[in-house]
Amino acid sequence: RDCAPDARVVIGDARISLAHAPAG
């Protein structure tokens, strides 16, 4: 809250989330 209030938080297994994220 204090340091990165604009950070995006993705709920779910990170490996699956990263597999669907844009390359690079």
PDBML (XML) file of the C-alpha atoms, coordinates in Angstrom:
<?xml version="1.0" encoding="UTF-8" ?>
<PDBx:datablock datablockName="MODEL"
   xmlns:PDBx="http://pdbml.pdb.org/schema/pdbx-v50.xsd"
   xmlns:xsi="http://www.w3.org/2001/XMLSchema-instance"
   xsi:schemaLocation="http://pdbml.pdb.org/schema/pdbx-v50.xsd pdbx-v50.xsd">
   <PDBx:atom_siteCategory>
      <PDBx:atom_site id="1">
         <PDBx:B_iso_or_equiv>0.00</PDBx:B_iso_or_equiv>
         <PDBx:Cartn_x>0.000</PDBx:Cartn_x>
         <PDBx:Cartn_y>0.000</PDBx:Cartn_y>
         <PDBx:Cartn_z>0.000</PDBx:Cartn_z>
         <PDBx:auth_asym_id>A</PDBx:auth_asym_id>
         <PDBx:auth_atom_id>CA</PDBx:auth_atom_id>
         <PDBx:auth_comp_id>ARG</PDBx:auth_comp_id>
         <PDBx:auth_seq_id>1</PDBx:auth_seq_id>
         <PDBx:group_PDB>ATOM</PDBx:group_PDB>
         <PDBx:label_alt_id xsi:nil="true" />
         <PDBx:label_asym_id>A</PDBx:label_asym_id>
         <PDBx:label_atom_id>CA</PDBx:label_atom_id>
         <PDBx:label_comp_id>ARG</PDBx:label_comp_id>
         <PDBx:label_entity_id>1</PDBx:label_entity_id>
         <PDBx:label_seq_id>1</PDBx:label_seq_id>
         <PDBx:occupancy>1.00</PDBx:occupancy>
         <PDBx:pdbx_PDB_model_num>1</PDBx:pdbx_PDB_model_num>
         <PDBx:type_symbol>C</PDBx:type_symbol>
      </PDBx:atom_site>
      <PDBx:atom_site id="2">
         <PDBx:B_iso_or_equiv>0.00</PDBx:B_iso_or_equiv>
         <PDBx:Cartn_x>2.736</PDBx:Cartn_x>
         <PDBx:Cartn_y>2.472</PDBx:Cartn_y>
         <PDBx:Cartn_z>0.936</PDBx:Cartn_z>
         <PDBx:auth_asym_id>A</PDBx:auth_asym_id>
         <PDBx:auth_atom_id>CA</PDBx:auth_atom_id>
         <PDBx:auth_comp_id>ASP</PDBx:auth_comp_id>
         <PDBx:auth_seq_id>2</PDBx:auth_seq_id>
         <PDBx:group_PDB>ATOM</PDBx:group_PDB>
         <PDBx:label_alt_id xsi:nil="true" />
         <PDBx:label_asym_id>A</PDBx:label_asym_id>
         <PDBx:label_atom_id>CA</PDBx:label_atom_id>
         <PDBx:label_comp_id>ASP</PDBx:label_comp_id>
         <PDBx:label_entity_id>1</PDBx:label_entity_id>
         <PDBx:label_seq_id>2</PDBx:label_seq_id>
         <PDBx:occupancy>1.00</PDBx:occupancy>
         <PDBx:pdbx_PDB_model_num>1</PDBx:pdbx_PDB_model_num>
         <PDBx:type_symbol>C</PDBx:type_symbol>
      </PDBx:atom_site>
      <PDBx:atom_site id="3">
         <PDBx:B_iso_or_equiv>0.00</PDBx:B_iso_or_equiv>
         <PDBx:Cartn_x>5.393</PDBx:Cartn_x>
         <PDBx:Cartn_y>1.732</PDBx:Cartn_y>
         <PDBx:Cartn_z>-1.695</PDBx:Cartn_z>
         <PDBx:auth_asym_id>A</PDBx:auth_asym_id>
         <PDBx:auth_atom_id>CA</PDBx:auth_atom_id>
         <PDBx:auth_comp_id>CYS</PDBx:auth_comp_id>
         <PDBx:auth_seq_id>3</PDBx:auth_seq_id>
         <PDBx:group_PDB>ATOM</PDBx:group_PDB>
         <PDBx:label_alt_id xsi:nil="true" />
         <PDBx:label_asym_id>A</PDBx:label_asym_id>
         <PDBx:label_atom_id>CA</PDBx:label_atom_id>
         <PDBx:label_comp_id>CYS</PDBx:label_comp_id>
         <PDBx:label_entity_id>1</PDBx:label_entity_id>
         <PDBx:label_seq_id>3</PDBx:label_seq_id>
         <PDBx:occupancy>1.00</PDBx:occupancy>
         <PDBx:pdbx_PDB_model_num>1</PDBx:pdbx_PDB_model_num>
         <PDBx:type_symbol>C</PDBx:type_symbol>
      </PDBx:atom_site>
      <PDBx:atom_site id="4">
         <PDBx:B_iso_or_equiv>0.00</PDBx:B_iso_or_equiv>
         <PDBx:Cartn_x>3.640</PDBx:Cartn_x>
         <PDBx:Cartn_y>0.305</PDBx:Cartn_y>
         <PDBx:Cartn_z>-4.753</PDBx:Cartn_z>
         <PDBx:auth_asym_id>A</PDBx:auth_asym_id>
         <PDBx:auth_atom_id>CA</PDBx:auth_atom_id>
         <PDBx:auth_comp_id>ALA</PDBx:auth_comp_id>
         <PDBx:auth_seq_id>4</PDBx:auth_seq_id>
         <PDBx:group_PDB>ATOM</PDBx:group_PDB>
         <PDBx:label_alt_id xsi:nil="true" />
         <PDBx:label_asym_id>A</PDBx:label_asym_id>
         <PDBx:label_atom_id>CA</PDBx:label_atom_id>
         <PDBx:label_comp_id>ALA</PDBx:label_comp_id>
         <PDBx:label_entity_id>1</PDBx:label_entity_id>
         <PDBx:label_seq_id>4</PDBx:label_seq_id>
         <PDBx:occupancy>1.00</PDBx:occupancy>
         <PDBx:pdbx_PDB_model_num>1</PDBx:pdbx_PDB_model_num>
         <PDBx:type_symbol>C</PDBx:type_symbol>
      </PDBx:atom_site>
      <PDBx:atom_site id="5">
         <PDBx:B_iso_or_equiv>0.00</PDBx:B_iso_or_equiv>
         <PDBx:Cartn_x>-0.069</PDBx:Cartn_x>
         <PDBx:Cartn_y>1.118</PDBx:Cartn_y>
         <PDBx:Cartn_z>-4.644</PDBx:Cartn_z>
         <PDBx:auth_asym_id>A</PDBx:auth_asym_id>
         <PDBx:auth_atom_id>CA</PDBx:auth_atom_id>
         <PDBx:auth_comp_id>PRO</PDBx:auth_comp_id>
         <PDBx:auth_seq_id>5</PDBx:auth_seq_id>
         <PDBx:group_PDB>ATOM</PDBx:group_PDB>
         <PDBx:label_alt_id xsi:nil="true" />
         <PDBx:label_asym_id>A</PDBx:label_asym_id>
         <PDBx:label_atom_id>CA</PDBx:label_atom_id>
         <PDBx:label_comp_id>PRO</PDBx:label_comp_id>
         <PDBx:label_entity_id>1</PDBx:label_entity_id>
         <PDBx:label_seq_id>5</PDBx:label_seq_id>
         <PDBx:occupancy>1.00</PDBx:occupancy>
         <PDBx:pdbx_PDB_model_num>1</PDBx:pdbx_PDB_model_num>
         <PDBx:type_symbol>C</PDBx:type_symbol>
      </PDBx:atom_site>
      <PDBx:atom_site id="6">
         <PDBx:B_iso_or_equiv>0.00</PDBx:B_iso_or_equiv>
         <PDBx:Cartn_x>-0.210</PDBx:Cartn_x>
         <PDBx:Cartn_y>1.026</PDBx:Cartn_y>
         <PDBx:Cartn_z>-8.445</PDBx:Cartn_z>
         <PDBx:auth_asym_id>A</PDBx:auth_asym_id>
         <PDBx:auth_atom_id>CA</PDBx:auth_atom_id>
         <PDBx:auth_comp_id>ASP</PDBx:auth_comp_id>
         <PDBx:auth_seq_id>6</PDBx:auth_seq_id>
         <PDBx:group_PDB>ATOM</PDBx:group_PDB>
         <PDBx:label_alt_id xsi:nil="true" />
         <PDBx:label_asym_id>A</PDBx:label_asym_id>
         <PDBx:label_atom_id>CA</PDBx:label_atom_id>
         <PDBx:label_comp_id>ASP</PDBx:label_comp_id>
         <PDBx:label_entity_id>1</PDBx:label_entity_id>
         <PDBx:label_seq_id>6</PDBx:label_seq_id>
         <PDBx:occupancy>1.00</PDBx:occupancy>
         <PDBx:pdbx_PDB_model_num>1</PDBx:pdbx_PDB_model_num>
         <PDBx:type_symbol>C</PDBx:type_symbol>
      </PDBx:atom_site>
      <PDBx:atom_site id="7">
         <PDBx:B_iso_or_equiv>0.00</PDBx:B_iso_or_equiv>
         <PDBx:Cartn_x>1.439</PDBx:Cartn_x>
         <PDBx:Cartn_y>-2.395</PDBx:Cartn_y>
         <PDBx:Cartn_z>-8.713</PDBx:Cartn_z>
         <PDBx:auth_asym_id>A</PDBx:auth_asym_id>
         <PDBx:auth_atom_id>CA</PDBx:auth_atom_id>
         <PDBx:auth_comp_id>ALA</PDBx:auth_comp_id>
         <PDBx:auth_seq_id>7</PDBx:auth_seq_id>
         <PDBx:group_PDB>ATOM</PDBx:group_PDB>
         <PDBx:label_alt_id xsi:nil="true" />
         <PDBx:label_asym_id>A</PDBx:label_asym_id>
         <PDBx:label_atom_id>CA</PDBx:label_atom_id>
         <PDBx:label_comp_id>ALA</PDBx:label_comp_id>
         <PDBx:label_entity_id>1</PDBx:label_entity_id>
         <PDBx:label_seq_id>7</PDBx:label_seq_id>
         <PDBx:occupancy>1.00</PDBx:occupancy>
         <PDBx:pdbx_PDB_model_num>1</PDBx:pdbx_PDB_model_num>
         <PDBx:type_symbol>C</PDBx:type_symbol>
      </PDBx:atom_site>
      <PDBx:atom_site id="8">
         <PDBx:B_iso_or_equiv>0.00</PDBx:B_iso_or_equiv>
         <PDBx:Cartn_x>-0.555</PDBx:Cartn_x>
         <PDBx:Cartn_y>-5.037</PDBx:Cartn_y>
         <PDBx:Cartn_z>-10.545</PDBx:Cartn_z>
         <PDBx:auth_asym_id>A</PDBx:auth_asym_id>
         <PDBx:auth_atom_id>CA</PDBx:auth_atom_id>
         <PDBx:auth_comp_id>ARG</PDBx:auth_comp_id>
         <PDBx:auth_seq_id>8</PDBx:auth_seq_id>
         <PDBx:group_PDB>ATOM</PDBx:group_PDB>
         <PDBx:label_alt_id xsi:nil="true" />
         <PDBx:label_asym_id>A</PDBx:label_asym_id>
         <PDBx:label_atom_id>CA</PDBx:label_atom_id>
         <PDBx:label_comp_id>ARG</PDBx:label_comp_id>
         <PDBx:label_entity_id>1</PDBx:label_entity_id>
         <PDBx:label_seq_id>8</PDBx:label_seq_id>
         <PDBx:occupancy>1.00</PDBx:occupancy>
         <PDBx:pdbx_PDB_model_num>1</PDBx:pdbx_PDB_model_num>
         <PDBx:type_symbol>C</PDBx:type_symbol>
      </PDBx:atom_site>
      <PDBx:atom_site id="9">
         <PDBx:B_iso_or_equiv>0.00</PDBx:B_iso_or_equiv>
         <PDBx:Cartn_x>-1.358</PDBx:Cartn_x>
         <PDBx:Cartn_y>-8.215</PDBx:Cartn_y>
         <PDBx:Cartn_z>-8.561</PDBx:Cartn_z>
         <PDBx:auth_asym_id>A</PDBx:auth_asym_id>
         <PDBx:auth_atom_id>CA</PDBx:auth_atom_id>
         <PDBx:auth_comp_id>VAL</PDBx:auth_comp_id>
         <PDBx:auth_seq_id>9</PDBx:auth_seq_id>
         <PDBx:group_PDB>ATOM</PDBx:group_PDB>
         <PDBx:label_alt_id xsi:nil="true" />
         <PDBx:label_asym_id>A</PDBx:label_asym_id>
         <PDBx:label_atom_id>CA</PDBx:label_atom_id>
         <PDBx:label_comp_id>VAL</PDBx:label_comp_id>
         <PDBx:label_entity_id>1</PDBx:label_entity_id>
         <PDBx:label_seq_id>9</PDBx:label_seq_id>
         <PDBx:occupancy>1.00</PDBx:occupancy>
         <PDBx:pdbx_PDB_model_num>1</PDBx:pdbx_PDB_model_num>
         <PDBx:type_symbol>C</PDBx:type_symbol>
      </PDBx:atom_site>
      <PDBx:atom_site id="10">
         <PDBx:B_iso_or_equiv>0.00</PDBx:B_iso_or_equiv>
         <PDBx:Cartn_x>-2.278</PDBx:Cartn_x>
         <PDBx:Cartn_y>-11.358</PDBx:Cartn_y>
         <PDBx:Cartn_z>-10.502</PDBx:Cartn_z>
         <PDBx:auth_asym_id>A</PDBx:auth_asym_id>
         <PDBx:auth_atom_id>CA</PDBx:auth_atom_id>
         <PDBx:auth_comp_id>VAL</PDBx:auth_comp_id>
         <PDBx:auth_seq_id>10</PDBx:auth_seq_id>
         <PDBx:group_PDB>ATOM</PDBx:group_PDB>
         <PDBx:label_alt_id xsi:nil="true" />
         <PDBx:label_asym_id>A</PDBx:label_asym_id>
         <PDBx:label_atom_id>CA</PDBx:label_atom_id>
         <PDBx:label_comp_id>VAL</PDBx:label_comp_id>
         <PDBx:label_entity_id>1</PDBx:label_entity_id>
         <PDBx:label_seq_id>10</PDBx:label_seq_id>
         <PDBx:occupancy>1.00</PDBx:occupancy>
         <PDBx:pdbx_PDB_model_num>1</PDBx:pdbx_PDB_model_num>
         <PDBx:type_symbol>C</PDBx:type_symbol>
      </PDBx:atom_site>
      <PDBx:atom_site id="11">
         <PDBx:B_iso_or_equiv>0.00</PDBx:B_iso_or_equiv>
         <PDBx:Cartn_x>-3.998</PDBx:Cartn_x>
         <PDBx:Cartn_y>-14.085</PDBx:Cartn_y>
         <PDBx:Cartn_z>-8.449</PDBx:Cartn_z>
         <PDBx:auth_asym_id>A</PDBx:auth_asym_id>
         <PDBx:auth_atom_id>CA</PDBx:auth_atom_id>
         <PDBx:auth_comp_id>ILE</PDBx:auth_comp_id>
         <PDBx:auth_seq_id>11</PDBx:auth_seq_id>
         <PDBx:group_PDB>ATOM</PDBx:group_PDB>
         <PDBx:label_alt_id xsi:nil="true" />
         <PDBx:label_asym_id>A</PDBx:label_asym_id>
         <PDBx:label_atom_id>CA</PDBx:label_atom_id>
         <PDBx:label_comp_id>ILE</PDBx:label_comp_id>
         <PDBx:label_entity_id>1</PDBx:label_entity_id>
         <PDBx:label_seq_id>11</PDBx:label_seq_id>
         <PDBx:occupancy>1.00</PDBx:occupancy>
         <PDBx:pdbx_PDB_model_num>1</PDBx:pdbx_PDB_model_num>
         <PDBx:type_symbol>C</PDBx:type_symbol>
      </PDBx:atom_site>
      <PDBx:atom_site id="12">
         <PDBx:B_iso_or_equiv>0.00</PDBx:B_iso_or_equiv>
         <PDBx:Cartn_x>-3.329</PDBx:Cartn_x>
         <PDBx:Cartn_y>-17.620</PDBx:Cartn_y>
         <PDBx:Cartn_z>-9.665</PDBx:Cartn_z>
         <PDBx:auth_asym_id>A</PDBx:auth_asym_id>
         <PDBx:auth_atom_id>CA</PDBx:auth_atom_id>
         <PDBx:auth_comp_id>GLY</PDBx:auth_comp_id>
         <PDBx:auth_seq_id>12</PDBx:auth_seq_id>
         <PDBx:group_PDB>ATOM</PDBx:group_PDB>
         <PDBx:label_alt_id xsi:nil="true" />
         <PDBx:label_asym_id>A</PDBx:label_asym_id>
         <PDBx:label_atom_id>CA</PDBx:label_atom_id>
         <PDBx:label_comp_id>GLY</PDBx:label_comp_id>
         <PDBx:label_entity_id>1</PDBx:label_entity_id>
         <PDBx:label_seq_id>12</PDBx:label_seq_id>
         <PDBx:occupancy>1.00</PDBx:occupancy>
         <PDBx:pdbx_PDB_model_num>1</PDBx:pdbx_PDB_model_num>
         <PDBx:type_symbol>C</PDBx:type_symbol>
      </PDBx:atom_site>
      <PDBx:atom_site id="13">
         <PDBx:B_iso_or_equiv>0.00</PDBx:B_iso_or_equiv>
         <PDBx:Cartn_x>-0.463</PDBx:Cartn_x>
         <PDBx:Cartn_y>-19.994</PDBx:Cartn_y>
         <PDBx:Cartn_z>-10.340</PDBx:Cartn_z>
         <PDBx:auth_asym_id>A</PDBx:auth_asym_id>
         <PDBx:auth_atom_id>CA</PDBx:auth_atom_id>
         <PDBx:auth_comp_id>ASP</PDBx:auth_comp_id>
         <PDBx:auth_seq_id>13</PDBx:auth_seq_id>
         <PDBx:group_PDB>ATOM</PDBx:group_PDB>
         <PDBx:label_alt_id xsi:nil="true" />
         <PDBx:label_asym_id>A</PDBx:label_asym_id>
         <PDBx:label_atom_id>CA</PDBx:label_atom_id>
         <PDBx:label_comp_id>ASP</PDBx:label_comp_id>
         <PDBx:label_entity_id>1</PDBx:label_entity_id>
         <PDBx:label_seq_id>13</PDBx:label_seq_id>
         <PDBx:occupancy>1.00</PDBx:occupancy>
         <PDBx:pdbx_PDB_model_num>1</PDBx:pdbx_PDB_model_num>
         <PDBx:type_symbol>C</PDBx:type_symbol>
      </PDBx:atom_site>
      <PDBx:atom_site id="14">
         <PDBx:B_iso_or_equiv>0.00</PDBx:B_iso_or_equiv>
         <PDBx:Cartn_x>2.472</PDBx:Cartn_x>
         <PDBx:Cartn_y>-17.878</PDBx:Cartn_y>
         <PDBx:Cartn_z>-11.521</PDBx:Cartn_z>
         <PDBx:auth_asym_id>A</PDBx:auth_asym_id>
         <PDBx:auth_atom_id>CA</PDBx:auth_atom_id>
         <PDBx:auth_comp_id>ALA</PDBx:auth_comp_id>
         <PDBx:auth_seq_id>14</PDBx:auth_seq_id>
         <PDBx:group_PDB>ATOM</PDBx:group_PDB>
         <PDBx:label_alt_id xsi:nil="true" />
         <PDBx:label_asym_id>A</PDBx:label_asym_id>
         <PDBx:label_atom_id>CA</PDBx:label_atom_id>
         <PDBx:label_comp_id>ALA</PDBx:label_comp_id>
         <PDBx:label_entity_id>1</PDBx:label_entity_id>
         <PDBx:label_seq_id>14</PDBx:label_seq_id>
         <PDBx:occupancy>1.00</PDBx:occupancy>
         <PDBx:pdbx_PDB_model_num>1</PDBx:pdbx_PDB_model_num>
         <PDBx:type_symbol>C</PDBx:type_symbol>
      </PDBx:atom_site>
      <PDBx:atom_site id="15">
         <PDBx:B_iso_or_equiv>0.00</PDBx:B_iso_or_equiv>
         <PDBx:Cartn_x>3.652</PDBx:Cartn_x>
         <PDBx:Cartn_y>-20.377</PDBx:Cartn_y>
         <PDBx:Cartn_z>-14.103</PDBx:Cartn_z>
         <PDBx:auth_asym_id>A</PDBx:auth_asym_id>
         <PDBx:auth_atom_id>CA</PDBx:auth_atom_id>
         <PDBx:auth_comp_id>ARG</PDBx:auth_comp_id>
         <PDBx:auth_seq_id>15</PDBx:auth_seq_id>
         <PDBx:group_PDB>ATOM</PDBx:group_PDB>
         <PDBx:label_alt_id xsi:nil="true" />
         <PDBx:label_asym_id>A</PDBx:label_asym_id>
         <PDBx:label_atom_id>CA</PDBx:label_atom_id>
         <PDBx:label_comp_id>ARG</PDBx:label_comp_id>
         <PDBx:label_entity_id>1</PDBx:label_entity_id>
         <PDBx:label_seq_id>15</PDBx:label_seq_id>
         <PDBx:occupancy>1.00</PDBx:occupancy>
         <PDBx:pdbx_PDB_model_num>1</PDBx:pdbx_PDB_model_num>
         <PDBx:type_symbol>C</PDBx:type_symbol>
      </PDBx:atom_site>
      <PDBx:atom_site id="16">
         <PDBx:B_iso_or_equiv>0.00</PDBx:B_iso_or_equiv>
         <PDBx:Cartn_x>0.269</PDBx:Cartn_x>
         <PDBx:Cartn_y>-20.425</PDBx:Cartn_y>
         <PDBx:Cartn_z>-15.834</PDBx:Cartn_z>
         <PDBx:auth_asym_id>A</PDBx:auth_asym_id>
         <PDBx:auth_atom_id>CA</PDBx:auth_atom_id>
         <PDBx:auth_comp_id>ILE</PDBx:auth_comp_id>
         <PDBx:auth_seq_id>16</PDBx:auth_seq_id>
         <PDBx:group_PDB>ATOM</PDBx:group_PDB>
         <PDBx:label_alt_id xsi:nil="true" />
         <PDBx:label_asym_id>A</PDBx:label_asym_id>
         <PDBx:label_atom_id>CA</PDBx:label_atom_id>
         <PDBx:label_comp_id>ILE</PDBx:label_comp_id>
         <PDBx:label_entity_id>1</PDBx:label_entity_id>
         <PDBx:label_seq_id>16</PDBx:label_seq_id>
         <PDBx:occupancy>1.00</PDBx:occupancy>
         <PDBx:pdbx_PDB_model_num>1</PDBx:pdbx_PDB_model_num>
         <PDBx:type_symbol>C</PDBx:type_symbol>
      </PDBx:atom_site>
      <PDBx:atom_site id="17">
         <PDBx:B_iso_or_equiv>0.00</PDBx:B_iso_or_equiv>
         <PDBx:Cartn_x>-0.044</PDBx:Cartn_x>
         <PDBx:Cartn_y>-16.645</PDBx:Cartn_y>
         <PDBx:Cartn_z>-15.595</PDBx:Cartn_z>
         <PDBx:auth_asym_id>A</PDBx:auth_asym_id>
         <PDBx:auth_atom_id>CA</PDBx:auth_atom_id>
         <PDBx:auth_comp_id>SER</PDBx:auth_comp_id>
         <PDBx:auth_seq_id>17</PDBx:auth_seq_id>
         <PDBx:group_PDB>ATOM</PDBx:group_PDB>
         <PDBx:label_alt_id xsi:nil="true" />
         <PDBx:label_asym_id>A</PDBx:label_asym_id>
         <PDBx:label_atom_id>CA</PDBx:label_atom_id>
         <PDBx:label_comp_id>SER</PDBx:label_comp_id>
         <PDBx:label_entity_id>1</PDBx:label_entity_id>
         <PDBx:label_seq_id>17</PDBx:label_seq_id>
         <PDBx:occupancy>1.00</PDBx:occupancy>
         <PDBx:pdbx_PDB_model_num>1</PDBx:pdbx_PDB_model_num>
         <PDBx:type_symbol>C</PDBx:type_symbol>
      </PDBx:atom_site>
      <PDBx:atom_site id="18">
         <PDBx:B_iso_or_equiv>0.00</PDBx:B_iso_or_equiv>
         <PDBx:Cartn_x>3.425</PDBx:Cartn_x>
         <PDBx:Cartn_y>-16.054</PDBx:Cartn_y>
         <PDBx:Cartn_z>-17.067</PDBx:Cartn_z>
         <PDBx:auth_asym_id>A</PDBx:auth_asym_id>
         <PDBx:auth_atom_id>CA</PDBx:auth_atom_id>
         <PDBx:auth_comp_id>LEU</PDBx:auth_comp_id>
         <PDBx:auth_seq_id>18</PDBx:auth_seq_id>
         <PDBx:group_PDB>ATOM</PDBx:group_PDB>
         <PDBx:label_alt_id xsi:nil="true" />
         <PDBx:label_asym_id>A</PDBx:label_asym_id>
         <PDBx:label_atom_id>CA</PDBx:label_atom_id>
         <PDBx:label_comp_id>LEU</PDBx:label_comp_id>
         <PDBx:label_entity_id>1</PDBx:label_entity_id>
         <PDBx:label_seq_id>18</PDBx:label_seq_id>
         <PDBx:occupancy>1.00</PDBx:occupancy>
         <PDBx:pdbx_PDB_model_num>1</PDBx:pdbx_PDB_model_num>
         <PDBx:type_symbol>C</PDBx:type_symbol>
      </PDBx:atom_site>
      <PDBx:atom_site id="19">
         <PDBx:B_iso_or_equiv>0.00</PDBx:B_iso_or_equiv>
         <PDBx:Cartn_x>2.745</PDBx:Cartn_x>
         <PDBx:Cartn_y>-18.536</PDBx:Cartn_y>
         <PDBx:Cartn_z>-19.867</PDBx:Cartn_z>
         <PDBx:auth_asym_id>A</PDBx:auth_asym_id>
         <PDBx:auth_atom_id>CA</PDBx:auth_atom_id>
         <PDBx:auth_comp_id>ALA</PDBx:auth_comp_id>
         <PDBx:auth_seq_id>19</PDBx:auth_seq_id>
         <PDBx:group_PDB>ATOM</PDBx:group_PDB>
         <PDBx:label_alt_id xsi:nil="true" />
         <PDBx:label_asym_id>A</PDBx:label_asym_id>
         <PDBx:label_atom_id>CA</PDBx:label_atom_id>
         <PDBx:label_comp_id>ALA</PDBx:label_comp_id>
         <PDBx:label_entity_id>1</PDBx:label_entity_id>
         <PDBx:label_seq_id>19</PDBx:label_seq_id>
         <PDBx:occupancy>1.00</PDBx:occupancy>
         <PDBx:pdbx_PDB_model_num>1</PDBx:pdbx_PDB_model_num>
         <PDBx:type_symbol>C</PDBx:type_symbol>
      </PDBx:atom_site>
      <PDBx:atom_site id="20">
         <PDBx:B_iso_or_equiv>0.00</PDBx:B_iso_or_equiv>
         <PDBx:Cartn_x>-0.139</PDBx:Cartn_x>
         <PDBx:Cartn_y>-16.301</PDBx:Cartn_y>
         <PDBx:Cartn_z>-20.977</PDBx:Cartn_z>
         <PDBx:auth_asym_id>A</PDBx:auth_asym_id>
         <PDBx:auth_atom_id>CA</PDBx:auth_atom_id>
         <PDBx:auth_comp_id>HIS</PDBx:auth_comp_id>
         <PDBx:auth_seq_id>20</PDBx:auth_seq_id>
         <PDBx:group_PDB>ATOM</PDBx:group_PDB>
         <PDBx:label_alt_id xsi:nil="true" />
         <PDBx:label_asym_id>A</PDBx:label_asym_id>
         <PDBx:label_atom_id>CA</PDBx:label_atom_id>
         <PDBx:label_comp_id>HIS</PDBx:label_comp_id>
         <PDBx:label_entity_id>1</PDBx:label_entity_id>
         <PDBx:label_seq_id>20</PDBx:label_seq_id>
         <PDBx:occupancy>1.00</PDBx:occupancy>
         <PDBx:pdbx_PDB_model_num>1</PDBx:pdbx_PDB_model_num>
         <PDBx:type_symbol>C</PDBx:type_symbol>
      </PDBx:atom_site>
      <PDBx:atom_site id="21">
         <PDBx:B_iso_or_equiv>0.00</PDBx:B_iso_or_equiv>
         <PDBx:Cartn_x>1.764</PDBx:Cartn_x>
         <PDBx:Cartn_y>-13.022</PDBx:Cartn_y>
         <PDBx:Cartn_z>-20.450</PDBx:Cartn_z>
         <PDBx:auth_asym_id>A</PDBx:auth_asym_id>
         <PDBx:auth_atom_id>CA</PDBx:auth_atom_id>
         <PDBx:auth_comp_id>ALA</PDBx:auth_comp_id>
         <PDBx:auth_seq_id>21</PDBx:auth_seq_id>
         <PDBx:group_PDB>ATOM</PDBx:group_PDB>
         <PDBx:label_alt_id xsi:nil="true" />
         <PDBx:label_asym_id>A</PDBx:label_asym_id>
         <PDBx:label_atom_id>CA</PDBx:label_atom_id>
         <PDBx:label_comp_id>ALA</PDBx:label_comp_id>
         <PDBx:label_entity_id>1</PDBx:label_entity_id>
         <PDBx:label_seq_id>21</PDBx:label_seq_id>
         <PDBx:occupancy>1.00</PDBx:occupancy>
         <PDBx:pdbx_PDB_model_num>1</PDBx:pdbx_PDB_model_num>
         <PDBx:type_symbol>C</PDBx:type_symbol>
      </PDBx:atom_site>
      <PDBx:atom_site id="22">
         <PDBx:B_iso_or_equiv>0.00</PDBx:B_iso_or_equiv>
         <PDBx:Cartn_x>3.306</PDBx:Cartn_x>
         <PDBx:Cartn_y>-11.111</PDBx:Cartn_y>
         <PDBx:Cartn_z>-23.397</PDBx:Cartn_z>
         <PDBx:auth_asym_id>A</PDBx:auth_asym_id>
         <PDBx:auth_atom_id>CA</PDBx:auth_atom_id>
         <PDBx:auth_comp_id>PRO</PDBx:auth_comp_id>
         <PDBx:auth_seq_id>22</PDBx:auth_seq_id>
         <PDBx:group_PDB>ATOM</PDBx:group_PDB>
         <PDBx:label_alt_id xsi:nil="true" />
         <PDBx:label_asym_id>A</PDBx:label_asym_id>
         <PDBx:label_atom_id>CA</PDBx:label_atom_id>
         <PDBx:label_comp_id>PRO</PDBx:label_comp_id>
         <PDBx:label_entity_id>1</PDBx:label_entity_id>
         <PDBx:label_seq_id>22</PDBx:label_seq_id>
         <PDBx:occupancy>1.00</PDBx:occupancy>
         <PDBx:pdbx_PDB_model_num>1</PDBx:pdbx_PDB_model_num>
         <PDBx:type_symbol>C</PDBx:type_symbol>
      </PDBx:atom_site>
      <PDBx:atom_site id="23">
         <PDBx:B_iso_or_equiv>0.00</PDBx:B_iso_or_equiv>
         <PDBx:Cartn_x>6.724</PDBx:Cartn_x>
         <PDBx:Cartn_y>-12.409</PDBx:Cartn_y>
         <PDBx:Cartn_z>-24.447</PDBx:Cartn_z>
         <PDBx:auth_asym_id>A</PDBx:auth_asym_id>
         <PDBx:auth_atom_id>CA</PDBx:auth_atom_id>
         <PDBx:auth_comp_id>ALA</PDBx:auth_comp_id>
         <PDBx:auth_seq_id>23</PDBx:auth_seq_id>
         <PDBx:group_PDB>ATOM</PDBx:group_PDB>
         <PDBx:label_alt_id xsi:nil="true" />
         <PDBx:label_asym_id>A</PDBx:label_asym_id>
         <PDBx:label_atom_id>CA</PDBx:label_atom_id>
         <PDBx:label_comp_id>ALA</PDBx:label_comp_id>
         <PDBx:label_entity_id>1</PDBx:label_entity_id>
         <PDBx:label_seq_id>23</PDBx:label_seq_id>
         <PDBx:occupancy>1.00</PDBx:occupancy>
         <PDBx:pdbx_PDB_model_num>1</PDBx:pdbx_PDB_model_num>
         <PDBx:type_symbol>C</PDBx:type_symbol>
      </PDBx:atom_site>
      <PDBx:atom_site id="24">
         <PDBx:B_iso_or_equiv>0.00</PDBx:B_iso_or_equiv>
         <PDBx:Cartn_x>9.644</PDBx:Cartn_x>
         <PDBx:Cartn_y>-10.249</PDBx:Cartn_y>
         <PDBx:Cartn_z>-23.321</PDBx:Cartn_z>
         <PDBx:auth_asym_id>A</PDBx:auth_asym_id>
         <PDBx:auth_atom_id>CA</PDBx:auth_atom_id>
         <PDBx:auth_comp_id>GLY</PDBx:auth_comp_id>
         <PDBx:auth_seq_id>24</PDBx:auth_seq_id>
         <PDBx:group_PDB>ATOM</PDBx:group_PDB>
         <PDBx:label_alt_id xsi:nil="true" />
         <PDBx:label_asym_id>A</PDBx:label_asym_id>
         <PDBx:label_atom_id>CA</PDBx:label_atom_id>
         <PDBx:label_comp_id>GLY</PDBx:label_comp_id>
         <PDBx:label_entity_id>1</PDBx:label_entity_id>
         <PDBx:label_seq_id>24</PDBx:label_seq_id>
         <PDBx:occupancy>1.00</PDBx:occupancy>
         <PDBx:pdbx_PDB_model_num>1</PDBx:pdbx_PDB_model_num>
         <PDBx:type_symbol>C</PDBx:type_symbol>
      </PDBx:atom_site>
   </PDBx:atom_siteCategory>
</PDBx:datablock>
